[in-house]
Amino acid sequence: QVQLVESGGGLVQAGGSLRLSCAASGRTFRPYTMGMGWFRQAPGKEREFVATISGSAGSTHYSDSVKCRFTISRDNAKNTMYLQMNSLKPEDTAAYYCAAGNIATIRAEADYWGQGTQVTVSS
């Protein structure tokens, strides 16, 4: 099994920054082959893709809404994935979830999910 725990969410003013972390554990977790990603969901809205990163960290992908503002990264030695969020906007307000799974299918259906961490951006 793979367990994922997010942290780093909070309240920030528009234009500010937050750094989210997702700690992975479990014998099934293969850091160099398992893709990971961030998704978010605001109340009344569907879950939205934010960013993904391959196991080797050699490939990243971002939604158009966060590109150039957010940076996804991972430290496989620490089994941790990060999402650096800069220039935050009120529309970024959502519960952010980390996910892990096959990089080819993670955007459609991840194998593992964390519990989420709330990000609230005030005007």
N, C-alpha and C. Protein backbone atom coordinates (compact mmCIF):
# COMPACT_ATOMS: atom_id res chain seq x y z
N GLN A 1 0.82 -1.18 0.00
CA GLN A 1 0.00 0.00 0.00
C GLN A 1 0.87 1.25 0.00
N VAL A 2 0.25 2.34 -0.41
CA VAL A 2 0.89 3.64 -0.39
C VAL A 2 0.02 4.59 0.42
N GLN A 3 0.65 5.27 1.35
CA GLN A 3 -0.04 6.28 2.14
C GLN A 3 0.51 7.65 1.78
N LEU A 4 -0.38 8.61 1.63
CA LEU A 4 -0.01 9.96 1.25
C LEU A 4 -0.58 10.93 2.27
N VAL A 5 0.26 11.85 2.73
CA VAL A 5 -0.16 12.84 3.71
C VAL A 5 0.27 14.21 3.24
N GLU A 6 -0.71 15.09 3.02
CA GLU A 6 -0.43 16.45 2.59
C GLU A 6 -0.24 17.36 3.79
N SER A 7 0.50 18.43 3.58
CA SER A 7 0.67 19.45 4.60
C SER A 7 1.06 20.75 3.92
N GLY A 8 0.98 21.83 4.66
CA GLY A 8 1.43 23.11 4.15
C GLY A 8 0.34 24.07 3.74
N GLY A 9 -0.90 23.63 3.76
CA GLY A 9 -1.98 24.52 3.40
C GLY A 9 -2.20 25.59 4.45
N GLY A 10 -3.00 26.57 4.10
CA GLY A 10 -3.29 27.64 5.03
C GLY A 10 -3.95 28.80 4.35
N LEU A 11 -4.00 29.90 5.06
CA LEU A 11 -4.59 31.14 4.57
C LEU A 11 -3.50 32.09 4.14
N VAL A 12 -3.65 32.63 2.96
CA VAL A 12 -2.66 33.55 2.43
C VAL A 12 -3.36 34.63 1.62
N GLN A 13 -2.79 35.80 1.60
CA GLN A 13 -3.35 36.89 0.80
C GLN A 13 -3.01 36.70 -0.67
N ALA A 14 -3.85 37.26 -1.51
CA ALA A 14 -3.58 37.21 -2.94
C ALA A 14 -2.20 37.77 -3.24
N GLY A 15 -1.49 37.08 -4.10
CA GLY A 15 -0.13 37.46 -4.43
C GLY A 15 0.91 36.77 -3.58
N GLY A 16 0.48 36.11 -2.53
CA GLY A 16 1.39 35.42 -1.64
C GLY A 16 1.77 34.05 -2.14
N SER A 17 2.50 33.33 -1.30
CA SER A 17 3.01 32.02 -1.67
C SER A 17 2.77 31.00 -0.58
N LEU A 18 2.64 29.76 -0.99
CA LEU A 18 2.57 28.62 -0.09
C LEU A 18 3.33 27.47 -0.71
N ARG A 19 3.84 26.60 0.13
CA ARG A 19 4.53 25.41 -0.32
C ARG A 19 3.85 24.20 0.30
N LEU A 20 3.23 23.39 -0.54
CA LEU A 20 2.58 22.18 -0.08
C LEU A 20 3.54 21.01 -0.15
N SER A 21 3.38 20.09 0.77
CA SER A 21 4.18 18.88 0.78
C SER A 21 3.28 17.67 0.82
N CYS A 22 3.74 16.60 0.23
CA CYS A 22 3.03 15.33 0.26
C CYS A 22 4.04 14.24 0.57
N ALA A 23 3.91 13.66 1.74
CA ALA A 23 4.82 12.61 2.17
C ALA A 23 4.23 11.25 1.83
N ALA A 24 5.00 10.44 1.14
CA ALA A 24 4.57 9.12 0.73
C ALA A 24 5.27 8.05 1.55
N SER A 25 4.56 6.98 1.81
CA SER A 25 5.15 5.86 2.53
C SER A 25 4.46 4.58 2.10
N GLY A 26 5.05 3.46 2.49
CA GLY A 26 4.49 2.17 2.15
C GLY A 26 5.41 1.39 1.23
N ARG A 27 5.42 0.09 1.39
CA ARG A 27 6.34 -0.73 0.61
C ARG A 27 5.98 -0.77 -0.86
N THR A 28 4.76 -0.44 -1.19
CA THR A 28 4.33 -0.44 -2.58
C THR A 28 4.81 0.81 -3.33
N PHE A 29 5.19 1.84 -2.59
CA PHE A 29 5.62 3.07 -3.22
C PHE A 29 6.97 2.88 -3.90
N ARG A 30 6.99 3.15 -5.19
CA ARG A 30 8.21 3.06 -5.98
C ARG A 30 8.56 4.46 -6.44
N PRO A 31 9.40 5.16 -5.70
CA PRO A 31 9.61 6.59 -5.97
C PRO A 31 10.13 6.91 -7.36
N TYR A 32 10.93 6.04 -7.93
CA TYR A 32 11.52 6.36 -9.22
C TYR A 32 10.68 5.93 -10.41
N THR A 33 9.62 5.23 -10.17
CA THR A 33 8.75 4.80 -11.24
C THR A 33 7.30 5.26 -11.09
N MET A 34 6.89 5.60 -9.89
CA MET A 34 5.52 5.98 -9.66
C MET A 34 5.34 7.49 -9.82
N GLY A 35 4.43 7.85 -10.69
CA GLY A 35 4.12 9.24 -10.88
C GLY A 35 3.33 9.80 -9.71
N MET A 36 3.38 11.10 -9.55
CA MET A 36 2.63 11.76 -8.50
C MET A 36 2.05 13.05 -9.06
N GLY A 37 1.05 13.55 -8.38
CA GLY A 37 0.44 14.76 -8.86
C GLY A 37 -0.37 15.47 -7.80
N TRP A 38 -0.78 16.67 -8.15
CA TRP A 38 -1.62 17.48 -7.30
C TRP A 38 -2.93 17.77 -8.01
N PHE A 39 -4.00 17.67 -7.27
CA PHE A 39 -5.33 18.00 -7.74
C PHE A 39 -5.99 18.91 -6.71
N ARG A 40 -6.99 19.62 -7.12
CA ARG A 40 -7.69 20.48 -6.18
C ARG A 40 -9.19 20.45 -6.45
N GLN A 41 -9.94 20.77 -5.42
CA GLN A 41 -11.38 20.78 -5.54
C GLN A 41 -11.95 21.87 -4.64
N ALA A 42 -12.69 22.76 -5.24
CA ALA A 42 -13.39 23.80 -4.50
C ALA A 42 -14.83 23.35 -4.28
N PRO A 43 -15.47 23.85 -3.23
CA PRO A 43 -16.86 23.47 -2.97
C PRO A 43 -17.76 23.74 -4.17
N GLY A 44 -18.55 22.74 -4.53
CA GLY A 44 -19.46 22.88 -5.64
C GLY A 44 -18.83 22.72 -7.01
N LYS A 45 -17.54 22.41 -7.05
CA LYS A 45 -16.85 22.25 -8.31
C LYS A 45 -16.24 20.85 -8.42
N GLU A 46 -15.97 20.46 -9.64
CA GLU A 46 -15.35 19.17 -9.87
C GLU A 46 -13.87 19.21 -9.52
N ARG A 47 -13.32 18.05 -9.23
CA ARG A 47 -11.91 17.95 -8.97
C ARG A 47 -11.13 18.38 -10.21
N GLU A 48 -10.09 19.15 -10.00
CA GLU A 48 -9.34 19.75 -11.09
C GLU A 48 -7.88 19.33 -11.03
N PHE A 49 -7.36 18.96 -12.17
CA PHE A 49 -5.94 18.66 -12.29
C PHE A 49 -5.12 19.92 -12.09
N VAL A 50 -4.04 19.81 -11.36
CA VAL A 50 -3.14 20.93 -11.13
C VAL A 50 -1.78 20.68 -11.78
N ALA A 51 -1.13 19.59 -11.39
CA ALA A 51 0.20 19.30 -11.92
C ALA A 51 0.55 17.85 -11.65
N THR A 52 1.41 17.30 -12.48
CA THR A 52 1.93 15.96 -12.27
C THR A 52 3.44 15.96 -12.48
N ILE A 53 4.08 14.95 -11.93
CA ILE A 53 5.51 14.79 -12.07
C ILE A 53 5.83 13.30 -12.16
N SER A 54 6.72 12.95 -13.05
CA SER A 54 7.08 11.56 -13.23
C SER A 54 7.95 11.07 -12.09
N GLY A 55 8.11 9.76 -12.01
CA GLY A 55 8.88 9.18 -10.92
C GLY A 55 10.31 9.66 -10.84
N SER A 56 10.93 9.83 -11.99
CA SER A 56 12.31 10.31 -12.03
C SER A 56 12.40 11.82 -11.93
N ALA A 57 11.26 12.48 -11.91
CA ALA A 57 11.16 13.94 -11.87
C ALA A 57 11.61 14.59 -13.18
N GLY A 58 11.77 13.78 -14.20
CA GLY A 58 12.23 14.31 -15.47
C GLY A 58 11.15 14.93 -16.32
N SER A 59 9.91 14.71 -15.96
CA SER A 59 8.80 15.23 -16.74
C SER A 59 7.75 15.81 -15.81
N THR A 60 7.33 17.02 -16.12
CA THR A 60 6.26 17.67 -15.36
C THR A 60 5.20 18.20 -16.30
N HIS A 61 4.01 18.34 -15.77
CA HIS A 61 2.92 18.86 -16.57
C HIS A 61 2.03 19.70 -15.67
N TYR A 62 1.56 20.82 -16.19
CA TYR A 62 0.75 21.75 -15.42
C TYR A 62 -0.52 22.10 -16.16
N SER A 63 -1.55 22.39 -15.40
CA SER A 63 -2.73 22.97 -16.00
C SER A 63 -2.41 24.39 -16.44
N ASP A 64 -3.12 24.86 -17.43
CA ASP A 64 -2.86 26.20 -17.93
C ASP A 64 -3.09 27.27 -16.86
N SER A 65 -4.00 27.01 -15.95
CA SER A 65 -4.34 28.00 -14.95
C SER A 65 -3.24 28.24 -13.92
N VAL A 66 -2.32 27.28 -13.76
CA VAL A 66 -1.28 27.42 -12.75
C VAL A 66 0.12 27.49 -13.35
N LYS A 67 0.23 27.23 -14.62
CA LYS A 67 1.53 27.25 -15.27
C LYS A 67 2.21 28.61 -15.07
N CYS A 68 3.49 28.58 -14.77
CA CYS A 68 4.32 29.75 -14.53
C CYS A 68 4.14 30.33 -13.13
N ARG A 69 3.16 29.84 -12.40
CA ARG A 69 2.97 30.28 -11.02
C ARG A 69 3.30 29.17 -10.02
N PHE A 70 2.96 27.94 -10.38
CA PHE A 70 3.19 26.80 -9.51
C PHE A 70 4.35 25.97 -10.05
N THR A 71 5.07 25.33 -9.14
CA THR A 71 6.15 24.44 -9.52
C THR A 71 6.03 23.15 -8.73
N ILE A 72 5.94 22.04 -9.45
CA ILE A 72 5.88 20.74 -8.80
C ILE A 72 7.28 20.15 -8.79
N SER A 73 7.62 19.50 -7.71
CA SER A 73 8.93 18.87 -7.58
C SER A 73 8.81 17.68 -6.63
N ARG A 74 9.87 16.90 -6.57
CA ARG A 74 9.87 15.78 -5.64
C ARG A 74 11.28 15.48 -5.19
N ASP A 75 11.38 14.97 -4.00
CA ASP A 75 12.65 14.53 -3.43
C ASP A 75 12.47 13.06 -3.10
N ASN A 76 12.94 12.21 -3.98
CA ASN A 76 12.72 10.79 -3.79
C ASN A 76 13.47 10.22 -2.59
N ALA A 77 14.56 10.86 -2.21
CA ALA A 77 15.28 10.42 -1.02
C ALA A 77 14.43 10.61 0.23
N LYS A 78 13.51 11.57 0.19
CA LYS A 78 12.62 11.83 1.30
C LYS A 78 11.21 11.33 1.05
N ASN A 79 10.99 10.73 -0.11
CA ASN A 79 9.65 10.26 -0.49
C ASN A 79 8.61 11.37 -0.36
N THR A 80 8.99 12.54 -0.81
CA THR A 80 8.14 13.71 -0.64
C THR A 80 7.99 14.47 -1.95
N MET A 81 6.78 14.88 -2.23
CA MET A 81 6.48 15.72 -3.38
C MET A 81 6.07 17.09 -2.88
N TYR A 82 6.37 18.11 -3.66
CA TYR A 82 6.09 19.47 -3.27
C TYR A 82 5.32 20.20 -4.36
N LEU A 83 4.62 21.21 -3.93
CA LEU A 83 3.99 22.14 -4.86
C LEU A 83 4.25 23.54 -4.35
N GLN A 84 5.15 24.24 -5.01
CA GLN A 84 5.43 25.62 -4.68
C GLN A 84 4.43 26.49 -5.42
N MET A 85 3.65 27.24 -4.69
CA MET A 85 2.60 28.06 -5.27
C MET A 85 2.94 29.52 -5.04
N ASN A 86 3.16 30.23 -6.11
CA ASN A 86 3.46 31.65 -6.06
C ASN A 86 2.35 32.45 -6.73
N SER A 87 2.33 33.73 -6.46
CA SER A 87 1.34 34.62 -7.06
C SER A 87 -0.06 34.06 -6.93
N LEU A 88 -0.40 33.64 -5.75
CA LEU A 88 -1.69 33.00 -5.53
C LEU A 88 -2.85 33.96 -5.77
N LYS A 89 -3.90 33.39 -6.31
CA LYS A 89 -5.11 34.14 -6.63
C LYS A 89 -6.28 33.57 -5.84
N PRO A 90 -7.31 34.37 -5.60
CA PRO A 90 -8.48 33.84 -4.89
C PRO A 90 -9.06 32.59 -5.55
N GLU A 91 -8.99 32.50 -6.87
CA GLU A 91 -9.52 31.34 -7.56
C GLU A 91 -8.70 30.08 -7.33
N ASP A 92 -7.55 30.21 -6.69
CA ASP A 92 -6.76 29.04 -6.31
C ASP A 92 -7.28 28.40 -5.03
N THR A 93 -8.21 29.05 -4.37
CA THR A 93 -8.77 28.52 -3.14
C THR A 93 -9.44 27.18 -3.39
N ALA A 94 -9.01 26.17 -2.66
CA ALA A 94 -9.54 24.82 -2.83
C ALA A 94 -8.87 23.90 -1.83
N ALA A 95 -9.42 22.70 -1.72
CA ALA A 95 -8.73 21.63 -1.02
C ALA A 95 -7.78 20.98 -2.01
N TYR A 96 -6.52 20.89 -1.63
CA TYR A 96 -5.51 20.31 -2.51
C TYR A 96 -5.18 18.90 -2.07
N TYR A 97 -5.19 18.01 -3.04
CA TYR A 97 -4.95 16.60 -2.78
C TYR A 97 -3.74 16.12 -3.57
N CYS A 98 -2.92 15.33 -2.93
CA CYS A 98 -1.84 14.69 -3.66
C CYS A 98 -2.28 13.30 -4.06
N ALA A 99 -1.70 12.82 -5.14
CA ALA A 99 -2.06 11.52 -5.68
C ALA A 99 -0.81 10.82 -6.19
N ALA A 100 -0.90 9.51 -6.29
CA ALA A 100 0.20 8.72 -6.80
C ALA A 100 -0.35 7.59 -7.65
N GLY A 101 0.42 7.20 -8.64
CA GLY A 101 0.01 6.11 -9.51
C GLY A 101 0.80 6.12 -10.80
N ASN A 102 0.32 5.35 -11.73
CA ASN A 102 0.93 5.29 -13.04
C ASN A 102 0.83 6.67 -13.69
N ILE A 103 1.95 7.21 -14.10
CA ILE A 103 1.95 8.56 -14.66
C ILE A 103 1.08 8.64 -15.91
N ALA A 104 0.91 7.53 -16.60
CA ALA A 104 0.12 7.53 -17.82
C ALA A 104 -1.37 7.65 -17.56
N THR A 105 -1.79 7.28 -16.37
CA THR A 105 -3.22 7.27 -16.06
C THR A 105 -3.60 8.10 -14.84
N ILE A 106 -2.65 8.72 -14.19
CA ILE A 106 -2.91 9.39 -12.93
C ILE A 106 -3.92 10.53 -13.06
N ARG A 107 -3.92 11.22 -14.16
CA ARG A 107 -4.86 12.32 -14.33
C ARG A 107 -6.29 11.82 -14.44
N ALA A 108 -6.46 10.63 -14.97
CA ALA A 108 -7.79 10.06 -15.12
C ALA A 108 -8.25 9.35 -13.85
N GLU A 109 -7.35 8.59 -13.26
CA GLU A 109 -7.69 7.84 -12.05
C GLU A 109 -6.42 7.45 -11.32
N ALA A 110 -6.11 8.16 -10.28
CA ALA A 110 -4.94 7.85 -9.47
C ALA A 110 -5.19 6.62 -8.62
N ASP A 111 -4.13 5.94 -8.29
CA ASP A 111 -4.24 4.74 -7.46
C ASP A 111 -4.37 5.08 -5.98
N TYR A 112 -3.74 6.17 -5.56
CA TYR A 112 -3.71 6.54 -4.16
C TYR A 112 -3.95 8.03 -4.00
N TRP A 113 -4.61 8.37 -2.90
CA TRP A 113 -4.94 9.76 -2.61
C TRP A 113 -4.64 10.10 -1.16
N GLY A 114 -4.25 11.34 -0.94
CA GLY A 114 -4.11 11.84 0.41
C GLY A 114 -5.43 12.40 0.89
N GLN A 115 -5.44 12.89 2.12
CA GLN A 115 -6.66 13.41 2.72
C GLN A 115 -6.95 14.86 2.34
N GLY A 116 -5.96 15.55 1.83
CA GLY A 116 -6.16 16.91 1.39
C GLY A 116 -5.67 17.94 2.39
N THR A 117 -5.33 19.10 1.89
CA THR A 117 -4.96 20.23 2.72
C THR A 117 -5.60 21.48 2.12
N GLN A 118 -6.18 22.29 2.96
CA GLN A 118 -6.94 23.44 2.50
C GLN A 118 -6.05 24.63 2.21
N VAL A 119 -6.26 25.22 1.06
CA VAL A 119 -5.59 26.46 0.68
C VAL A 119 -6.66 27.52 0.47
N THR A 120 -6.55 28.61 1.20
CA THR A 120 -7.49 29.70 1.08
C THR A 120 -6.74 30.98 0.76
N VAL A 121 -7.11 31.60 -0.33
CA VAL A 121 -6.46 32.83 -0.77
C VAL A 121 -7.46 33.97 -0.67
N SER A 122 -7.15 34.94 0.14
CA SER A 122 -8.04 36.06 0.35
C SER A 122 -7.70 37.20 -0.60
N SER A 123 -8.69 38.02 -0.88
CA SER A 123 -8.50 39.15 -1.78
C SER A 123 -7.79 40.29 -1.09
